[in-house]
């Protein structure tokens, strides 16, 4: 619980935590399911999980763009 609190005590820290977790796991669904379980288990408050989820969504989109650009670069060369 202290680790979750330290990763979400601030909106900016929560956003960056979501980005990093999504970059490591490459799964927005996994992050969402974990957050739902943490909130239902009262390990994390709903207000602090929203920036984490937003960061994970941005991270997932960024990873998708990287894959698309890599495919486009390989087609052009």
PDB file of N, CA and C in Angstrom:
ATOM      1  N   UNK A   1       0.825  -1.186   0.000  1.00  0.00           N
ATOM      2  CA  UNK A   1       0.000   0.000   0.000  1.00  0.00           C
ATOM      3  C   UNK A   1       0.871   1.252   0.000  1.00  0.00           C
ATOM      4  N   UNK A   2       2.007   1.210   0.673  1.00  0.00           N
ATOM      5  CA  UNK A   2       2.891   2.375   0.670  1.00  0.00           C
ATOM      6  C   UNK A   2       3.513   2.586  -0.706  1.00  0.00           C
ATOM      7  N   UNK A   3       3.792   1.513  -1.419  1.00  0.00           N
ATOM      8  CA  UNK A   3       4.338   1.641  -2.780  1.00  0.00           C
ATOM      9  C   UNK A   3       3.298   2.275  -3.704  1.00  0.00           C
ATOM     10  N   UNK A   4       2.052   1.814  -3.605  1.00  0.00           N
ATOM     11  CA  UNK A   4       0.993   2.398  -4.433  1.00  0.00           C
ATOM     12  C   UNK A   4       0.783   3.868  -4.098  1.00  0.00           C
ATOM     13  N   UNK A   5       0.860   4.199  -2.830  1.00  0.00           N
ATOM     14  CA  UNK A   5       0.693   5.596  -2.438  1.00  0.00           C
ATOM     15  C   UNK A   5       1.850   6.451  -2.964  1.00  0.00           C
ATOM     16  N   UNK A   6       3.063   5.922  -2.919  1.00  0.00           N
ATOM     17  CA  UNK A   6       4.201   6.710  -3.398  1.00  0.00           C
ATOM     18  C   UNK A   6       4.178   6.880  -4.916  1.00  0.00           C
ATOM     19  N   UNK A   7       3.530   5.960  -5.629  1.00  0.00           N
ATOM     20  CA  UNK A   7       3.431   6.079  -7.087  1.00  0.00           C
ATOM     21  C   UNK A   7       2.236   6.912  -7.532  1.00  0.00           C
ATOM     22  N   UNK A   8       1.391   7.326  -6.582  1.00  0.00           N
ATOM     23  CA  UNK A   8       0.193   8.065  -6.981  1.00  0.00           C
ATOM     24  C   UNK A   8      -0.119   9.238  -6.061  1.00  0.00           C
ATOM     25  N   UNK A   9       0.846   9.731  -5.289  1.00  0.00           N
ATOM     26  CA  UNK A   9       0.553  10.811  -4.341  1.00  0.00           C
ATOM     27  C   UNK A   9       0.317  12.140  -5.036  1.00  0.00           C
ATOM     28  N   UNK A  10       0.768  12.274  -6.268  1.00  0.00           N
ATOM     29  CA  UNK A  10       0.658  13.508  -7.032  1.00  0.00           C
ATOM     30  C   UNK A  10       0.090  13.155  -8.405  1.00  0.00           C
ATOM     31  N   UNK A  11      -0.634  14.063  -9.033  1.00  0.00           N
ATOM     32  CA  UNK A  11      -1.208  13.770 -10.349  1.00  0.00           C
ATOM     33  C   UNK A  11      -0.127  13.537 -11.396  1.00  0.00           C
ATOM     34  N   UNK A  12       0.924  14.331 -11.354  1.00  0.00           N
ATOM     35  CA  UNK A  12       2.003  14.179 -12.341  1.00  0.00           C
ATOM     36  C   UNK A  12       2.758  12.869 -12.128  1.00  0.00           C
ATOM     37  N   UNK A  13       2.999  12.523 -10.884  1.00  0.00           N
ATOM     38  CA  UNK A  13       3.686  11.263 -10.582  1.00  0.00           C
ATOM     39  C   UNK A  13       2.818  10.075 -11.005  1.00  0.00           C
ATOM     40  N   UNK A  14       1.521  10.175 -10.778  1.00  0.00           N
ATOM     41  CA  UNK A  14       0.599   9.120 -11.213  1.00  0.00           C
ATOM     42  C   UNK A  14       0.578   8.969 -12.723  1.00  0.00           C
ATOM     43  N   UNK A  15       0.601  10.095 -13.427  1.00  0.00           N
ATOM     44  CA  UNK A  15       0.616  10.063 -14.887  1.00  0.00           C
ATOM     45  C   UNK A  15       1.873   9.370 -15.401  1.00  0.00           C
ATOM     46  N   UNK A  16       3.020   9.741 -14.855  1.00  0.00           N
ATOM     47  CA  UNK A  16       4.287   9.135 -15.275  1.00  0.00           C
ATOM     48  C   UNK A  16       4.330   7.660 -14.890  1.00  0.00           C
ATOM     49  N   UNK A  17       3.776   7.320 -13.742  1.00  0.00           N
ATOM     50  CA  UNK A  17       3.714   5.911 -13.332  1.00  0.00           C
ATOM     51  C   UNK A  17       2.885   5.098 -14.318  1.00  0.00           C
ATOM     52  N   UNK A  18       1.759   5.661 -14.751  1.00  0.00           N
ATOM     53  CA  UNK A  18       0.938   4.984 -15.749  1.00  0.00           C
ATOM     54  C   UNK A  18       1.664   4.805 -17.063  1.00  0.00           C
ATOM     55  N   UNK A  19       2.414   5.832 -17.478  1.00  0.00           N
ATOM     56  CA  UNK A  19       3.210   5.727 -18.708  1.00  0.00           C
ATOM     57  C   UNK A  19       4.235   4.595 -18.604  1.00  0.00           C
ATOM     58  N   UNK A  20       4.930   4.550 -17.486  1.00  0.00           N
ATOM     59  CA  UNK A  20       5.996   3.556 -17.320  1.00  0.00           C
ATOM     60  C   UNK A  20       5.428   2.147 -17.244  1.00  0.00           C
ATOM     61  N   UNK A  21       4.358   1.969 -16.478  1.00  0.00           N
ATOM     62  CA  UNK A  21       3.763   0.628 -16.352  1.00  0.00           C
ATOM     63  C   UNK A  21       3.224   0.160 -17.694  1.00  0.00           C
ATOM     64  N   UNK A  22       2.602   1.049 -18.439  1.00  0.00           N
ATOM     65  CA  UNK A  22       2.081   0.660 -19.751  1.00  0.00           C
ATOM     66  C   UNK A  22       3.214   0.378 -20.733  1.00  0.00           C
ATOM     67  N   UNK A  23       4.310   1.114 -20.623  1.00  0.00           N
ATOM     68  CA  UNK A  23       5.451   0.860 -21.504  1.00  0.00           C
ATOM     69  C   UNK A  23       6.088  -0.492 -21.190  1.00  0.00           C
ATOM     70  N   UNK A  24       6.143  -0.847 -19.921  1.00  0.00           N
ATOM     71  CA  UNK A  24       6.739  -2.132 -19.536  1.00  0.00           C
ATOM     72  C   UNK A  24       5.843  -3.295 -19.934  1.00  0.00           C
ATOM     73  N   UNK A  25       4.548  -3.184 -19.635  1.00  0.00           N
ATOM     74  CA  UNK A  25       3.637  -4.300 -19.897  1.00  0.00           C
ATOM     75  C   UNK A  25       3.046  -4.275 -21.297  1.00  0.00           C
ATOM     76  N   UNK A  26       3.026  -3.098 -21.928  1.00  0.00           N
ATOM     77  CA  UNK A  26       2.435  -2.919 -23.252  1.00  0.00           C
ATOM     78  C   UNK A  26       0.966  -3.336 -23.267  1.00  0.00           C
ATOM     79  N   UNK A  27       0.269  -3.082 -22.160  1.00  0.00           N
ATOM     80  CA  UNK A  27      -1.123  -3.489 -22.066  1.00  0.00           C
ATOM     81  C   UNK A  27      -1.906  -2.483 -21.231  1.00  0.00           C
ATOM     82  N   UNK A  28      -2.760  -1.733 -21.877  1.00  0.00           N
ATOM     83  CA  UNK A  28      -3.645  -0.817 -21.170  1.00  0.00           C
ATOM     84  C   UNK A  28      -4.698  -1.596 -20.390  1.00  0.00           C
ATOM     85  N   UNK A  29      -5.129  -2.720 -20.918  1.00  0.00           N
ATOM     86  CA  UNK A  29      -6.139  -3.535 -20.244  1.00  0.00           C
ATOM     87  C   UNK A  29      -5.626  -4.061 -18.910  1.00  0.00           C
ATOM     88  N   UNK A  30      -4.375  -4.478 -18.875  1.00  0.00           N
ATOM     89  CA  UNK A  30      -3.787  -4.970 -17.631  1.00  0.00           C
ATOM     90  C   UNK A  30      -3.756  -3.870 -16.581  1.00  0.00           C
ATOM     91  N   UNK A  31      -3.366  -2.684 -16.967  1.00  0.00           N
ATOM     92  CA  UNK A  31      -3.313  -1.556 -16.032  1.00  0.00           C
ATOM     93  C   UNK A  31      -4.717  -1.241 -15.515  1.00  0.00           C
ATOM     94  N   UNK A  32      -5.706  -1.247 -16.393  1.00  0.00           N
ATOM     95  CA  UNK A  32      -7.081  -0.952 -15.988  1.00  0.00           C
ATOM     96  C   UNK A  32      -7.615  -2.001 -15.018  1.00  0.00           C
ATOM     97  N   UNK A  33      -7.358  -3.264 -15.299  1.00  0.00           N
ATOM     98  CA  UNK A  33      -7.833  -4.336 -14.414  1.00  0.00           C
ATOM     99  C   UNK A  33      -7.149  -4.255 -13.052  1.00  0.00           C
ATOM    100  N   UNK A  34      -5.844  -3.985 -13.050  1.00  0.00           N
ATOM    101  CA  UNK A  34      -5.140  -3.845 -11.781  1.00  0.00           C
ATOM    102  C   UNK A  34      -5.680  -2.672 -10.976  1.00  0.00           C
ATOM    103  N   UNK A  35      -5.945  -1.551 -11.636  1.00  0.00           N
ATOM    104  CA  UNK A  35      -6.473  -0.392 -10.924  1.00  0.00           C
ATOM    105  C   UNK A  35      -7.857  -0.662 -10.348  1.00  0.00           C
ATOM    106  N   UNK A  36      -8.699  -1.355 -11.092  1.00  0.00           N
ATOM    107  CA  UNK A  36     -10.030  -1.695 -10.578  1.00  0.00           C
ATOM    108  C   UNK A  36      -9.902  -2.581  -9.344  1.00  0.00           C
ATOM    109  N   UNK A  37      -9.000  -3.541  -9.380  1.00  0.00           N
ATOM    110  CA  UNK A  37      -8.795  -4.419  -8.224  1.00  0.00           C
ATOM    111  C   UNK A  37      -8.207  -3.664  -7.039  1.00  0.00           C
ATOM    112  N   UNK A  38      -7.296  -2.728  -7.284  1.00  0.00           N
ATOM    113  CA  UNK A  38      -6.725  -1.946  -6.193  1.00  0.00           C
ATOM    114  C   UNK A  38      -7.774  -1.051  -5.541  1.00  0.00           C
ATOM    115  N   UNK A  39      -8.656  -0.468  -6.354  1.00  0.00           N
ATOM    116  CA  UNK A  39      -9.702   0.388  -5.800  1.00  0.00           C
ATOM    117  C   UNK A  39     -10.728  -0.447  -5.048  1.00  0.00           C
ATOM    118  N   UNK A  40     -11.115  -1.590  -5.599  1.00  0.00           N
ATOM    119  CA  UNK A  40     -12.107  -2.417  -4.904  1.00  0.00           C
ATOM    120  C   UNK A  40     -11.538  -3.056  -3.645  1.00  0.00           C
ATOM    121  N   UNK A  41     -10.240  -3.277  -3.614  1.00  0.00           N
ATOM    122  CA  UNK A  41      -9.592  -3.796  -2.411  1.00  0.00           C
ATOM    123  C   UNK A  41      -9.186  -2.709  -1.437  1.00  0.00           C
ATOM    124  N   UNK A  42      -9.557  -1.467  -1.725  1.00  0.00           N
ATOM    125  CA  UNK A  42      -9.285  -0.300  -0.892  1.00  0.00           C
ATOM    126  C   UNK A  42      -7.794  -0.082  -0.652  1.00  0.00           C
ATOM    127  N   UNK A  43      -6.970  -0.458  -1.629  1.00  0.00           N
ATOM    128  CA  UNK A  43      -5.545  -0.180  -1.569  1.00  0.00           C
ATOM    129  C   UNK A  43      -5.210   1.161  -2.200  1.00  0.00           C
ATOM    130  N   UNK A  44      -6.133   1.673  -3.015  1.00  0.00           N
ATOM    131  CA  UNK A  44      -5.913   2.909  -3.757  1.00  0.00           C
ATOM    132  C   UNK A  44      -7.246   3.638  -3.858  1.00  0.00           C
ATOM    133  N   UNK A  45      -7.194   4.960  -3.790  1.00  0.00           N
ATOM    134  CA  UNK A  45      -8.419   5.737  -3.930  1.00  0.00           C
ATOM    135  C   UNK A  45      -8.713   5.996  -5.398  1.00  0.00           C
ATOM    136  N   UNK A  46      -9.984   6.155  -5.714  1.00  0.00           N
ATOM    137  CA  UNK A  46     -10.404   6.374  -7.092  1.00  0.00           C
ATOM    138  C   UNK A  46      -9.791   7.650  -7.674  1.00  0.00           C
ATOM    139  N   UNK A  47      -9.675   8.691  -6.857  1.00  0.00           N
ATOM    140  CA  UNK A  47      -9.137   9.961  -7.341  1.00  0.00           C
ATOM    141  C   UNK A  47      -7.679   9.840  -7.757  1.00  0.00           C
ATOM    142  N   UNK A  48      -6.939   8.964  -7.111  1.00  0.00           N
ATOM    143  CA  UNK A  48      -5.522   8.838  -7.449  1.00  0.00           C
ATOM    144  C   UNK A  48      -5.272   7.845  -8.572  1.00  0.00           C
ATOM    145  N   UNK A  49      -6.263   7.042  -8.940  1.00  0.00           N
ATOM    146  CA  UNK A  49      -6.038   6.090 -10.036  1.00  0.00           C
ATOM    147  C   UNK A  49      -6.378   6.685 -11.399  1.00  0.00           C
ATOM    148  N   UNK A  50      -7.090   7.791 -11.428  1.00  0.00           N
ATOM    149  CA  UNK A  50      -7.454   8.405 -12.710  1.00  0.00           C
ATOM    150  C   UNK A  50      -6.221   8.920 -13.466  1.00  0.00           C
ATOM    151  N   UNK A  51      -5.274   9.635 -12.817  1.00  0.00           N
ATOM    152  CA  UNK A  51      -4.067  10.033 -13.565  1.00  0.00           C
ATOM    153  C   UNK A  51      -3.234   8.840 -14.035  1.00  0.00           C
ATOM    154  N   UNK A  52      -3.220   7.773 -13.259  1.00  0.00           N
ATOM    155  CA  UNK A  52      -2.475   6.576 -13.672  1.00  0.00           C
ATOM    156  C   UNK A  52      -3.097   5.986 -14.930  1.00  0.00           C
ATOM    157  N   UNK A  53      -4.419   5.903 -14.947  1.00  0.00           N
ATOM    158  CA  UNK A  53      -5.113   5.369 -16.124  1.00  0.00           C
ATOM    159  C   UNK A  53      -4.923   6.272 -17.335  1.00  0.00           C
ATOM    160  N   UNK A  54      -4.936   7.572 -17.128  1.00  0.00           N
ATOM    161  CA  UNK A  54      -4.702   8.505 -18.236  1.00  0.00           C
ATOM    162  C   UNK A  54      -3.285   8.357 -18.780  1.00  0.00           C
ATOM    163  N   UNK A  55      -2.311   8.219 -17.899  1.00  0.00           N
ATOM    164  CA  UNK A  55      -0.934   8.006 -18.332  1.00  0.00           C
ATOM    165  C   UNK A  55      -0.766   6.706 -19.088  1.00  0.00           C
ATOM    166  N   UNK A  56      -1.466   5.666 -18.636  1.00  0.00           N
ATOM    167  CA  UNK A  56      -1.391   4.390 -19.333  1.00  0.00           C
ATOM    168  C   UNK A  56      -2.020   4.478 -20.721  1.00  0.00           C
ATOM    169  N   UNK A  57      -3.099   5.240 -20.838  1.00  0.00           N
ATOM    170  CA  UNK A  57      -3.744   5.405 -22.146  1.00  0.00           C
ATOM    171  C   UNK A  57      -2.834   6.171 -23.108  1.00  0.00           C
ATOM    172  N   UNK A  58      -2.182   7.209 -22.614  1.00  0.00           N
ATOM    173  CA  UNK A  58      -1.249   7.964 -23.456  1.00  0.00           C
ATOM    174  C   UNK A  58      -0.063   7.085 -23.836  1.00  0.00           C
ATOM    175  N   UNK A  59       0.435   6.301 -22.890  1.00  0.00           N
ATOM    176  CA  UNK A  59       1.548   5.395 -23.173  1.00  0.00           C
ATOM    177  C   UNK A  59       1.188   4.344 -24.198  1.00  0.00           C
ATOM    178  N   UNK A  60      -0.009   3.808 -24.108  1.00  0.00           N
ATOM    179  CA  UNK A  60      -0.463   2.808 -25.080  1.00  0.00           C
ATOM    180  C   UNK A  60      -0.570   3.410 -26.475  1.00  0.00           C
ATOM    181  N   UNK A  61      -1.090   4.631 -26.554  1.00  0.00           N
ATOM    182  CA  UNK A  61      -1.192   5.313 -27.844  1.00  0.00           C
ATOM    183  C   UNK A  61       0.189   5.603 -28.420  1.00  0.00           C
ATOM    184  N   UNK A  62       1.111   6.031 -27.569  1.00  0.00           N
ATOM    185  CA  UNK A  62       2.469   6.337 -28.014  1.00  0.00           C
ATOM    186  C   UNK A  62       3.165   5.085 -28.539  1.00  0.00           C
ATOM    187  N   UNK A  63       2.993   3.965 -27.862  1.00  0.00           N
ATOM    188  CA  UNK A  63       3.601   2.712 -28.307  1.00  0.00           C
ATOM    189  C   UNK A  63       3.002   2.285 -29.650  1.00  0.00           C
ATOM    190  N   UNK A  64       1.710   2.473 -29.823  1.00  0.00           N
ATOM    191  CA  UNK A  64       1.075   2.140 -31.101  1.00  0.00           C
ATOM    192  C   UNK A  64       1.628   3.002 -32.231  1.00  0.00           C
ATOM    193  N   UNK A  65       1.813   4.288 -31.962  1.00  0.00           N
ATOM    194  CA  UNK A  65       2.397   5.170 -32.973  1.00  0.00           C
ATOM    195  C   UNK A  65       3.819   4.763 -33.332  1.00  0.00           C
ATOM    196  N   UNK A  66       4.602   4.352 -32.345  1.00  0.00           N
ATOM    197  CA  UNK A  66       5.964   3.898 -32.623  1.00  0.00           C
ATOM    198  C   UNK A  66       5.973   2.691 -33.545  1.00  0.00           C
ATOM    199  N   UNK A  67       5.049   1.764 -33.320  1.00  0.00           N
ATOM    200  CA  UNK A  67       4.968   0.576 -34.174  1.00  0.00           C
ATOM    201  C   UNK A  67       4.566   0.972 -35.591  1.00  0.00           C
ATOM    202  N   UNK A  68       3.605   1.865 -35.723  1.00  0.00           N
ATOM    203  CA  UNK A  68       3.146   2.293 -37.045  1.00  0.00           C
ATOM    204  C   UNK A  68       4.264   3.010 -37.796  1.00  0.00           C
ATOM    205  N   UNK A  69       4.967   3.916 -37.123  1.00  0.00           N
ATOM    206  CA  UNK A  69       6.057   4.638 -37.787  1.00  0.00           C
ATOM    207  C   UNK A  69       7.185   3.706 -38.190  1.00  0.00           C
ATOM    208  N   UNK A  70       7.447   2.683 -37.370  1.00  0.00           N
ATOM    209  CA  UNK A  70       8.492   1.726 -37.714  1.00  0.00           C
ATOM    210  C   UNK A  70       8.100   0.929 -38.960  1.00  0.00           C
ATOM    211  N   UNK A  71       6.835   0.552 -39.070  1.00  0.00           N
ATOM    212  CA  UNK A  71       6.373  -0.174 -40.251  1.00  0.00           C
ATOM    213  C   UNK A  71       6.447   0.725 -41.485  1.00  0.00           C
ATOM    214  N   UNK A  72       6.057   1.989 -41.345  1.00  0.00           N
ATOM    215  CA  UNK A  72       6.096   2.912 -42.465  1.00  0.00           C
ATOM    216  C   UNK A  72       7.531   3.168 -42.924  1.00  0.00           C
ATOM    217  N   UNK A  73       8.448   3.280 -41.985  1.00  0.00           N
ATOM    218  CA  UNK A  73       9.846   3.506 -42.346  1.00  0.00           C
ATOM    219  C   UNK A  73      10.434   2.283 -43.074  1.00  0.00           C
ATOM    220  N   UNK A  74      10.034   1.100 -42.687  1.00  0.00           N
ATOM    221  CA  UNK A  74      10.528  -0.102 -43.348  1.00  0.00           C
ATOM    222  C   UNK A  74       9.948  -0.245 -44.754  1.00  0.00           C
ATOM    223  N   UNK A  75       8.732   0.238 -44.978  1.00  0.00           N
ATOM    224  CA  UNK A  75       8.145   0.160 -46.307  1.00  0.00           C
ATOM    225  C   UNK A  75       8.818   1.126 -47.264  1.00  0.00           C
ATOM    226  N   UNK A  76       9.200   2.295 -46.768  1.00  0.00           N
ATOM    227  CA  UNK A  76       9.815   3.304 -47.628  1.00  0.00           C
ATOM    228  C   UNK A  76      11.268   3.002 -47.974  1.00  0.00           C
ATOM    229  N   UNK A  77      11.932   2.162 -47.214  1.00  0.00           N
ATOM    230  CA  UNK A  77      13.335   1.903 -47.499  1.00  0.00           C
ATOM    231  C   UNK A  77      13.539   0.639 -48.294  1.00  0.00           C
TER     232      UNK A  77
END
